[in-house]
Each structure stands twice: as C-alpha cells, then as structure tokens.
Amino acid sequence: MKAKQIPGVPWQHSGAYHDTESIKKIVASDLLAQKFEILKERFFSINHWKDYCGKGSADFRLFDSGGSYIERIPQKGDFMRIDIPGPGDIEAKGYDWVEIVLVDDHCSDDELERYLICCRPSKIPGSNTDHIAHFYSRESSSTFVISRGHDFIKTAVYGRNEIPNYKKTGFWGRIRNFLISTGGYTRITKMQWKSYTDGLLDF
C-alpha cells in the first residue's frame, strides 16, 4: 500500500509512514454541525488532548517560540512538547519536541470544513543548539487533521518520511533512536495515534 496523498500533508518520499484515521457517521445535519464544533474545540486544545484520549496516550503541551508554556489556539512557529509512554529524549529530559510548521483550513472536494496542523521534529524551543529532540529526523512530519463531510466527521494523523534521527542528536540519543527504530516502537506509536483519533471522537 502507498501513503495516501492528502492535500496539505507532505508527500511520502522515504522511510516509514502511517495513515491513522477515525470516522463517525452522523446523518442529521444539525447534530453533525454540533458535534464538529465540539471536535474543533478539542482539536485546538492541545494541552488537553490526553484528557480526551485516555491515560495510556501521549501527553501534549503547547509552547511558544521562546519556550514558554501557553494556553491558546496553536499557531505556526509554536512547539509541542510530547511525553510518549516509553523512553524519551535524554537531553530533553525525557520529552520529544516538534515545531508547528503549518496551520491550514482549506477544504477538499468532499469536505464542508477542515482544519490541519502539520509538525516536524525540532530542537527545544529557545535553545541555541541544533540538537533535534525527537527520535525521528527533521525531514519527518506528523499532520493532524479534522474534517466534516455531509454525513461524517473525521479525525486523522498522517506520518510521513519517518526516518530515525541519527545526526542531530547526541551519542545516547543515537542509541535510543536506533533501539526505537529496530524494536517495533512504530507499532506502539501507531496504537498511540489510533487512541488519539478515536478519543477525540468519543463524545
């Protein structure tokens, strides 16, 4: 199978990928609009994603470009600090970091409304190092999407070009990232993303 080509999602060129999607069918248009408003509020409340997705899911926190914790709608140039169950980046005190590189609201032909947040592995915001605090390289991406059609609402995460980070990290980071890439950790992260997409739609 090939990676889906989704508008706004980076193209798959190399490495691993995943398409994780959850769909809830709702026929009544007024109920559909109501549920999507709830979904939008959840989607843009990054600091509360874990509340919707269960105790076993990753914990996300939103930070600005200077490294300060913030409670607001995410913007391009913000950062997410991720605490995924399991070993984290040693130099980042056990966390992984991504930068928000795109926030978009363009719809495709079969959508009435859509919102997208695209992230790439990054350094710790505010730091003066080029150390990428993530087990994937900077070329990798994760794109979070919610959308509303005529009779459905949908949540999705699309991972693209997932290549282990062996360059922009320290010695222990390279060992950790090697173990992750060879130890079946991708299956665990796939389960994490499915918990996320299902959890946002659990009303």
C-alpha atoms as a PDB file:
ATOM      1  CA  MET A   1       0.000   0.000   0.000  1.00  0.00           C
ATOM      2  CA  LYS A   2       1.107   3.538  -0.698  1.00  0.00           C
ATOM      3  CA  ALA A   3       0.720   6.524   1.582  1.00  0.00           C
ATOM      4  CA  LYS A   4      -2.426   8.489   0.878  1.00  0.00           C
ATOM      5  CA  GLN A   5      -1.987  11.784  -0.931  1.00  0.00           C
ATOM      6  CA  ILE A   6      -3.839  14.243   1.287  1.00  0.00           C
ATOM      7  CA  PRO A   7      -3.963  17.990   0.498  1.00  0.00           C
ATOM      8  CA  GLY A   8      -1.689  19.803   2.938  1.00  0.00           C
ATOM      9  CA  VAL A   9       0.121  16.622   4.034  1.00  0.00           C
ATOM     10  CA  PRO A  10       3.774  16.290   2.909  1.00  0.00           C
ATOM     11  CA  TRP A  11       4.435  13.733   0.192  1.00  0.00           C
ATOM     12  CA  GLN A  12       5.963  10.417   1.189  1.00  0.00           C
ATOM     13  CA  HIS A  13       9.492  10.067  -0.211  1.00  0.00           C
ATOM     14  CA  SER A  14      11.437   7.728   2.073  1.00  0.00           C
ATOM     15  CA  GLY A  15      11.295   5.945   5.391  1.00  0.00           C
ATOM     16  CA  ALA A  16       8.167   4.737   7.145  1.00  0.00           C
ATOM     17  CA  TYR A  17       4.707   6.280   7.088  1.00  0.00           C
ATOM     18  CA  HIS A  18       1.248   5.781   8.536  1.00  0.00           C
ATOM     19  CA  ASP A  19      -2.315   6.868   7.812  1.00  0.00           C
ATOM     20  CA  THR A  20      -4.322   6.748  11.034  1.00  0.00           C
ATOM     21  CA  GLU A  21      -7.975   7.742  10.671  1.00  0.00           C
ATOM     22  CA  SER A  22     -11.227   7.532  12.624  1.00  0.00           C
ATOM     23  CA  ILE A  23     -14.657   8.378  11.215  1.00  0.00           C
ATOM     24  CA  LYS A  24     -18.009   8.870  12.904  1.00  0.00           C
ATOM     25  CA  LYS A  25     -21.122   8.789  10.715  1.00  0.00           C
ATOM     26  CA  ILE A  26     -23.817  11.319  11.639  1.00  0.00           C
ATOM     27  CA  VAL A  27     -26.782  11.710   9.273  1.00  0.00           C
ATOM     28  CA  ALA A  28     -28.651  14.568  10.994  1.00  0.00           C
ATOM     29  CA  SER A  29     -27.090  17.818   9.746  1.00  0.00           C
ATOM     30  CA  ASP A  30     -27.805  19.826  12.909  1.00  0.00           C
ATOM     31  CA  LEU A  31     -26.242  17.142  15.125  1.00  0.00           C
ATOM     32  CA  LEU A  32     -23.302  16.858  12.717  1.00  0.00           C
ATOM     33  CA  ALA A  33     -22.583  20.591  12.992  1.00  0.00           C
ATOM     34  CA  GLN A  34     -22.948  20.477  16.778  1.00  0.00           C
ATOM     35  CA  LYS A  35     -20.527  17.567  17.200  1.00  0.00           C
ATOM     36  CA  PHE A  36     -17.997  19.154  14.858  1.00  0.00           C
ATOM     37  CA  GLU A  37     -17.982  22.330  16.962  1.00  0.00           C
ATOM     38  CA  ILE A  38     -17.091  20.167  19.963  1.00  0.00           C
ATOM     39  CA  LEU A  39     -14.415  18.424  17.917  1.00  0.00           C
ATOM     40  CA  LYS A  40     -12.913  21.770  16.845  1.00  0.00           C
ATOM     41  CA  GLU A  41     -12.661  22.897  20.451  1.00  0.00           C
ATOM     42  CA  ARG A  42     -10.901  19.668  21.367  1.00  0.00           C
ATOM     43  CA  PHE A  43      -8.602  19.792  18.337  1.00  0.00           C
ATOM     44  CA  PHE A  44      -7.290  23.258  19.144  1.00  0.00           C
ATOM     45  CA  SER A  45      -6.921  22.487  22.887  1.00  0.00           C
ATOM     46  CA  ILE A  46      -3.579  20.718  22.550  1.00  0.00           C
ATOM     47  CA  ASN A  47      -2.811  20.843  26.278  1.00  0.00           C
ATOM     48  CA  HIS A  48      -5.946  18.769  26.944  1.00  0.00           C
ATOM     49  CA  TRP A  49      -5.569  16.086  24.265  1.00  0.00           C
ATOM     50  CA  LYS A  50      -4.655  13.478  26.870  1.00  0.00           C
ATOM     51  CA  ASP A  51      -7.917  14.192  28.711  1.00  0.00           C
ATOM     52  CA  TYR A  52      -9.867  13.072  25.646  1.00  0.00           C
ATOM     53  CA  CYS A  53      -7.636  10.179  24.613  1.00  0.00           C
ATOM     54  CA  GLY A  54      -7.111   8.209  27.823  1.00  0.00           C
ATOM     55  CA  LYS A  55      -4.426   7.543  30.419  1.00  0.00           C
ATOM     56  CA  GLY A  56      -2.323   5.394  28.104  1.00  0.00           C
ATOM     57  CA  SER A  57      -1.986   8.089  25.454  1.00  0.00           C
ATOM     58  CA  ALA A  58       0.815  10.605  24.956  1.00  0.00           C
ATOM     59  CA  ASP A  59       0.713  13.907  26.831  1.00  0.00           C
ATOM     60  CA  PHE A  60       0.985  17.051  24.670  1.00  0.00           C
ATOM     61  CA  ARG A  61       1.840  20.580  25.825  1.00  0.00           C
ATOM     62  CA  LEU A  62       1.929  23.758  23.727  1.00  0.00           C
ATOM     63  CA  PHE A  63       4.846  26.226  23.924  1.00  0.00           C
ATOM     64  CA  ASP A  64       5.724  29.411  22.077  1.00  0.00           C
ATOM     65  CA  SER A  65       8.956  30.004  20.140  1.00  0.00           C
ATOM     66  CA  GLY A  66      10.708  31.234  23.282  1.00  0.00           C
ATOM     67  CA  GLY A  67       9.930  28.063  25.216  1.00  0.00           C
ATOM     68  CA  SER A  68       7.102  29.402  27.405  1.00  0.00           C
ATOM     69  CA  TYR A  69       4.064  27.220  28.131  1.00  0.00           C
ATOM     70  CA  ILE A  70       0.910  28.699  26.568  1.00  0.00           C
ATOM     71  CA  GLU A  71      -2.849  28.097  26.669  1.00  0.00           C
ATOM     72  CA  ARG A  72      -4.273  29.262  23.341  1.00  0.00           C
ATOM     73  CA  ILE A  73      -5.057  28.173  19.800  1.00  0.00           C
ATOM     74  CA  PRO A  74      -1.846  26.875  18.174  1.00  0.00           C
ATOM     75  CA  GLN A  75      -0.066  28.968  15.571  1.00  0.00           C
ATOM     76  CA  LYS A  76       2.678  28.373  13.028  1.00  0.00           C
ATOM     77  CA  GLY A  77       6.001  28.657  14.851  1.00  0.00           C
ATOM     78  CA  ASP A  78       4.691  27.215  18.124  1.00  0.00           C
ATOM     79  CA  PHE A  79       6.085  23.985  19.554  1.00  0.00           C
ATOM     80  CA  MET A  80       4.586  20.853  21.080  1.00  0.00           C
ATOM     81  CA  ARG A  81       6.306  19.005  23.896  1.00  0.00           C
ATOM     82  CA  ILE A  82       5.337  15.331  23.780  1.00  0.00           C
ATOM     83  CA  ASP A  83       5.613  12.811  26.593  1.00  0.00           C
ATOM     84  CA  ILE A  84       5.155   9.426  24.936  1.00  0.00           C
ATOM     85  CA  PRO A  85       4.998   6.358  27.199  1.00  0.00           C
ATOM     86  CA  GLY A  86       8.446   4.763  26.991  1.00  0.00           C
ATOM     87  CA  PRO A  87      11.962   6.193  26.674  1.00  0.00           C
ATOM     88  CA  GLY A  88      12.154   9.891  25.844  1.00  0.00           C
ATOM     89  CA  ASP A  89      14.962  12.076  24.532  1.00  0.00           C
ATOM     90  CA  ILE A  90      17.681  12.091  27.209  1.00  0.00           C
ATOM     91  CA  GLU A  91      18.964  15.590  26.519  1.00  0.00           C
ATOM     92  CA  ALA A  92      15.370  16.911  26.540  1.00  0.00           C
ATOM     93  CA  LYS A  93      14.670  15.385  29.981  1.00  0.00           C
ATOM     94  CA  GLY A  94      12.582  12.564  28.565  1.00  0.00           C
ATOM     95  CA  TYR A  95      10.439  14.582  26.175  1.00  0.00           C
ATOM     96  CA  ASP A  96      10.203  14.780  22.402  1.00  0.00           C
ATOM     97  CA  TRP A  97       9.644  18.119  20.647  1.00  0.00           C
ATOM     98  CA  VAL A  98       8.015  19.129  17.368  1.00  0.00           C
ATOM     99  CA  GLU A  99       7.535  22.503  15.696  1.00  0.00           C
ATOM    100  CA  ILE A 100       4.224  23.518  14.146  1.00  0.00           C
ATOM    101  CA  VAL A 101       5.126  24.383  10.550  1.00  0.00           C
ATOM    102  CA  LEU A 102       1.619  24.758   9.108  1.00  0.00           C
ATOM    103  CA  VAL A 103      -1.879  25.555  10.328  1.00  0.00           C
ATOM    104  CA  ASP A 104      -4.407  25.344   7.493  1.00  0.00           C
ATOM    105  CA  ASP A 105      -8.171  25.393   6.951  1.00  0.00           C
ATOM    106  CA  HIS A 106      -8.513  24.657   3.227  1.00  0.00           C
ATOM    107  CA  CYS A 107     -11.123  22.041   2.257  1.00  0.00           C
ATOM    108  CA  SER A 108     -11.041  19.337  -0.391  1.00  0.00           C
ATOM    109  CA  ASP A 109     -13.951  18.457  -2.695  1.00  0.00           C
ATOM    110  CA  ASP A 110     -15.654  16.027  -0.300  1.00  0.00           C
ATOM    111  CA  GLU A 111     -15.347  18.228   2.801  1.00  0.00           C
ATOM    112  CA  LEU A 112     -17.513  21.017   4.147  1.00  0.00           C
ATOM    113  CA  GLU A 113     -14.937  22.097   6.716  1.00  0.00           C
ATOM    114  CA  ARG A 114     -11.390  21.027   7.561  1.00  0.00           C
ATOM    115  CA  TYR A 115      -8.524  22.022   9.880  1.00  0.00           C
ATOM    116  CA  LEU A 116      -4.925  20.849   9.763  1.00  0.00           C
ATOM    117  CA  ILE A 117      -1.823  21.157  11.961  1.00  0.00           C
ATOM    118  CA  CYS A 118       1.471  19.915  10.492  1.00  0.00           C
ATOM    119  CA  CYS A 119       4.518  19.369  12.736  1.00  0.00           C
ATOM    120  CA  ARG A 120       8.170  18.426  12.283  1.00  0.00           C
ATOM    121  CA  PRO A 121      10.720  17.155  14.836  1.00  0.00           C
ATOM    122  CA  SER A 122      12.596  20.090  16.314  1.00  0.00           C
ATOM    123  CA  LYS A 123      15.060  21.376  18.839  1.00  0.00           C
ATOM    124  CA  ILE A 124      13.861  22.538  22.242  1.00  0.00           C
ATOM    125  CA  PRO A 125      12.339  25.999  21.731  1.00  0.00           C
ATOM    126  CA  GLY A 126      14.598  28.790  22.944  1.00  0.00           C
ATOM    127  CA  SER A 127      17.737  26.626  22.855  1.00  0.00           C
ATOM    128  CA  ASN A 128      20.871  27.579  20.902  1.00  0.00           C
ATOM    129  CA  THR A 129      21.662  24.072  19.733  1.00  0.00           C
ATOM    130  CA  ASP A 130      20.795  22.190  16.557  1.00  0.00           C
ATOM    131  CA  HIS A 131      20.009  19.064  18.589  1.00  0.00           C
ATOM    132  CA  ILE A 132      16.719  17.580  17.335  1.00  0.00           C
ATOM    133  CA  ALA A 133      14.888  16.401  20.455  1.00  0.00           C
ATOM    134  CA  HIS A 134      12.955  13.615  18.751  1.00  0.00           C
ATOM    135  CA  PHE A 135      13.523  10.027  17.625  1.00  0.00           C
ATOM    136  CA  TYR A 136      12.736  10.985  14.007  1.00  0.00           C
ATOM    137  CA  SER A 137      14.741  13.344  11.810  1.00  0.00           C
ATOM    138  CA  ARG A 138      13.689  16.875  10.866  1.00  0.00           C
ATOM    139  CA  GLU A 139      12.508  15.606   7.457  1.00  0.00           C
ATOM    140  CA  SER A 140       9.764  13.572   9.136  1.00  0.00           C
ATOM    141  CA  SER A 141       6.320  15.020   9.728  1.00  0.00           C
ATOM    142  CA  SER A 142       3.092  14.388  11.605  1.00  0.00           C
ATOM    143  CA  THR A 143      -0.052  16.064  10.310  1.00  0.00           C
ATOM    144  CA  PHE A 144      -3.188  16.264  12.465  1.00  0.00           C
ATOM    145  CA  VAL A 145      -6.480  16.759  10.607  1.00  0.00           C
ATOM    146  CA  ILE A 146     -10.158  17.083  11.483  1.00  0.00           C
ATOM    147  CA  SER A 147     -12.865  17.397   8.840  1.00  0.00           C
ATOM    148  CA  ARG A 148     -16.624  17.451   8.334  1.00  0.00           C
ATOM    149  CA  GLY A 149     -18.430  15.993   5.332  1.00  0.00           C
ATOM    150  CA  HIS A 150     -22.117  15.796   4.507  1.00  0.00           C
ATOM    151  CA  ASP A 151     -22.707  12.831   6.814  1.00  0.00           C
ATOM    152  CA  PHE A 152     -19.480  12.291   8.778  1.00  0.00           C
ATOM    153  CA  ILE A 153     -16.821  13.835  10.951  1.00  0.00           C
ATOM    154  CA  LYS A 154     -13.266  12.558  10.771  1.00  0.00           C
ATOM    155  CA  THR A 155     -10.027  12.747  12.742  1.00  0.00           C
ATOM    156  CA  ALA A 156      -6.670  11.697  11.337  1.00  0.00           C
ATOM    157  CA  VAL A 157      -2.919  11.698  11.860  1.00  0.00           C
ATOM    158  CA  TYR A 158      -0.627  11.228   8.869  1.00  0.00           C
ATOM    159  CA  GLY A 159       3.027  10.353   9.468  1.00  0.00           C
ATOM    160  CA  ARG A 160       5.403  10.898   6.563  1.00  0.00           C
ATOM    161  CA  ASN A 161       9.098  10.226   5.846  1.00  0.00           C
ATOM    162  CA  GLU A 162       9.703   8.743   9.288  1.00  0.00           C
ATOM    163  CA  ILE A 163      13.474   8.321   9.379  1.00  0.00           C
ATOM    164  CA  PRO A 164      15.352   7.744  12.677  1.00  0.00           C
ATOM    165  CA  ASN A 165      17.341  10.724  13.918  1.00  0.00           C
ATOM    166  CA  TYR A 166      20.998   9.690  13.925  1.00  0.00           C
ATOM    167  CA  LYS A 167      22.627  13.032  13.069  1.00  0.00           C
ATOM    168  CA  LYS A 168      21.106  15.917  15.021  1.00  0.00           C
ATOM    169  CA  THR A 169      21.375  14.235  18.409  1.00  0.00           C
ATOM    170  CA  GLY A 170      23.955  13.119  20.948  1.00  0.00           C
ATOM    171  CA  PHE A 171      25.561   9.716  21.485  1.00  0.00           C
ATOM    172  CA  TRP A 172      22.874   8.397  23.840  1.00  0.00           C
ATOM    173  CA  GLY A 173      20.211   9.846  21.609  1.00  0.00           C
ATOM    174  CA  ARG A 174      21.536   7.868  18.644  1.00  0.00           C
ATOM    175  CA  ILE A 175      21.461   4.674  20.697  1.00  0.00           C
ATOM    176  CA  ARG A 176      17.925   5.386  21.866  1.00  0.00           C
ATOM    177  CA  ASN A 177      16.710   6.209  18.358  1.00  0.00           C
ATOM    178  CA  PHE A 178      18.355   3.072  16.966  1.00  0.00           C
ATOM    179  CA  LEU A 179      16.642   0.901  19.580  1.00  0.00           C
ATOM    180  CA  ILE A 180      13.316   2.568  18.870  1.00  0.00           C
ATOM    181  CA  SER A 181      13.630   2.103  15.099  1.00  0.00           C
ATOM    182  CA  THR A 182      14.528  -1.591  15.419  1.00  0.00           C
ATOM    183  CA  GLY A 183      12.379  -2.549  18.386  1.00  0.00           C
ATOM    184  CA  GLY A 184       8.873  -2.382  16.980  1.00  0.00           C
ATOM    185  CA  TYR A 185       8.211   1.004  18.563  1.00  0.00           C
ATOM    186  CA  THR A 186       6.426   2.114  15.407  1.00  0.00           C
ATOM    187  CA  ARG A 187       3.609  -0.297  16.297  1.00  0.00           C
ATOM    188  CA  ILE A 188       3.311   1.339  19.708  1.00  0.00           C
ATOM    189  CA  THR A 189       3.160   4.825  18.204  1.00  0.00           C
ATOM    190  CA  LYS A 190       0.538   3.612  15.721  1.00  0.00           C
ATOM    191  CA  MET A 191      -1.566   2.478  18.688  1.00  0.00           C
ATOM    192  CA  GLN A 192      -0.983   5.879  20.301  1.00  0.00           C
ATOM    193  CA  TRP A 193      -2.239   7.700  17.217  1.00  0.00           C
ATOM    194  CA  LYS A 194      -5.294   5.461  16.964  1.00  0.00           C
ATOM    195  CA  SER A 195      -6.059   6.186  20.616  1.00  0.00           C
ATOM    196  CA  TYR A 196      -5.813   9.891  19.734  1.00  0.00           C
ATOM    197  CA  THR A 197      -8.096   9.795  16.687  1.00  0.00           C
ATOM    198  CA  ASP A 198     -10.676   7.599  18.430  1.00  0.00           C
ATOM    199  CA  GLY A 199     -10.507   9.645  21.625  1.00  0.00           C
ATOM    200  CA  LEU A 200     -11.267  12.988  20.002  1.00  0.00           C
ATOM    201  CA  LEU A 201     -14.433  11.460  18.514  1.00  0.00           C
ATOM    202  CA  ASP A 202     -15.597   9.914  21.776  1.00  0.00           C
ATOM    203  CA  PHE A 203     -18.463  12.213  22.790  1.00  0.00           C
END
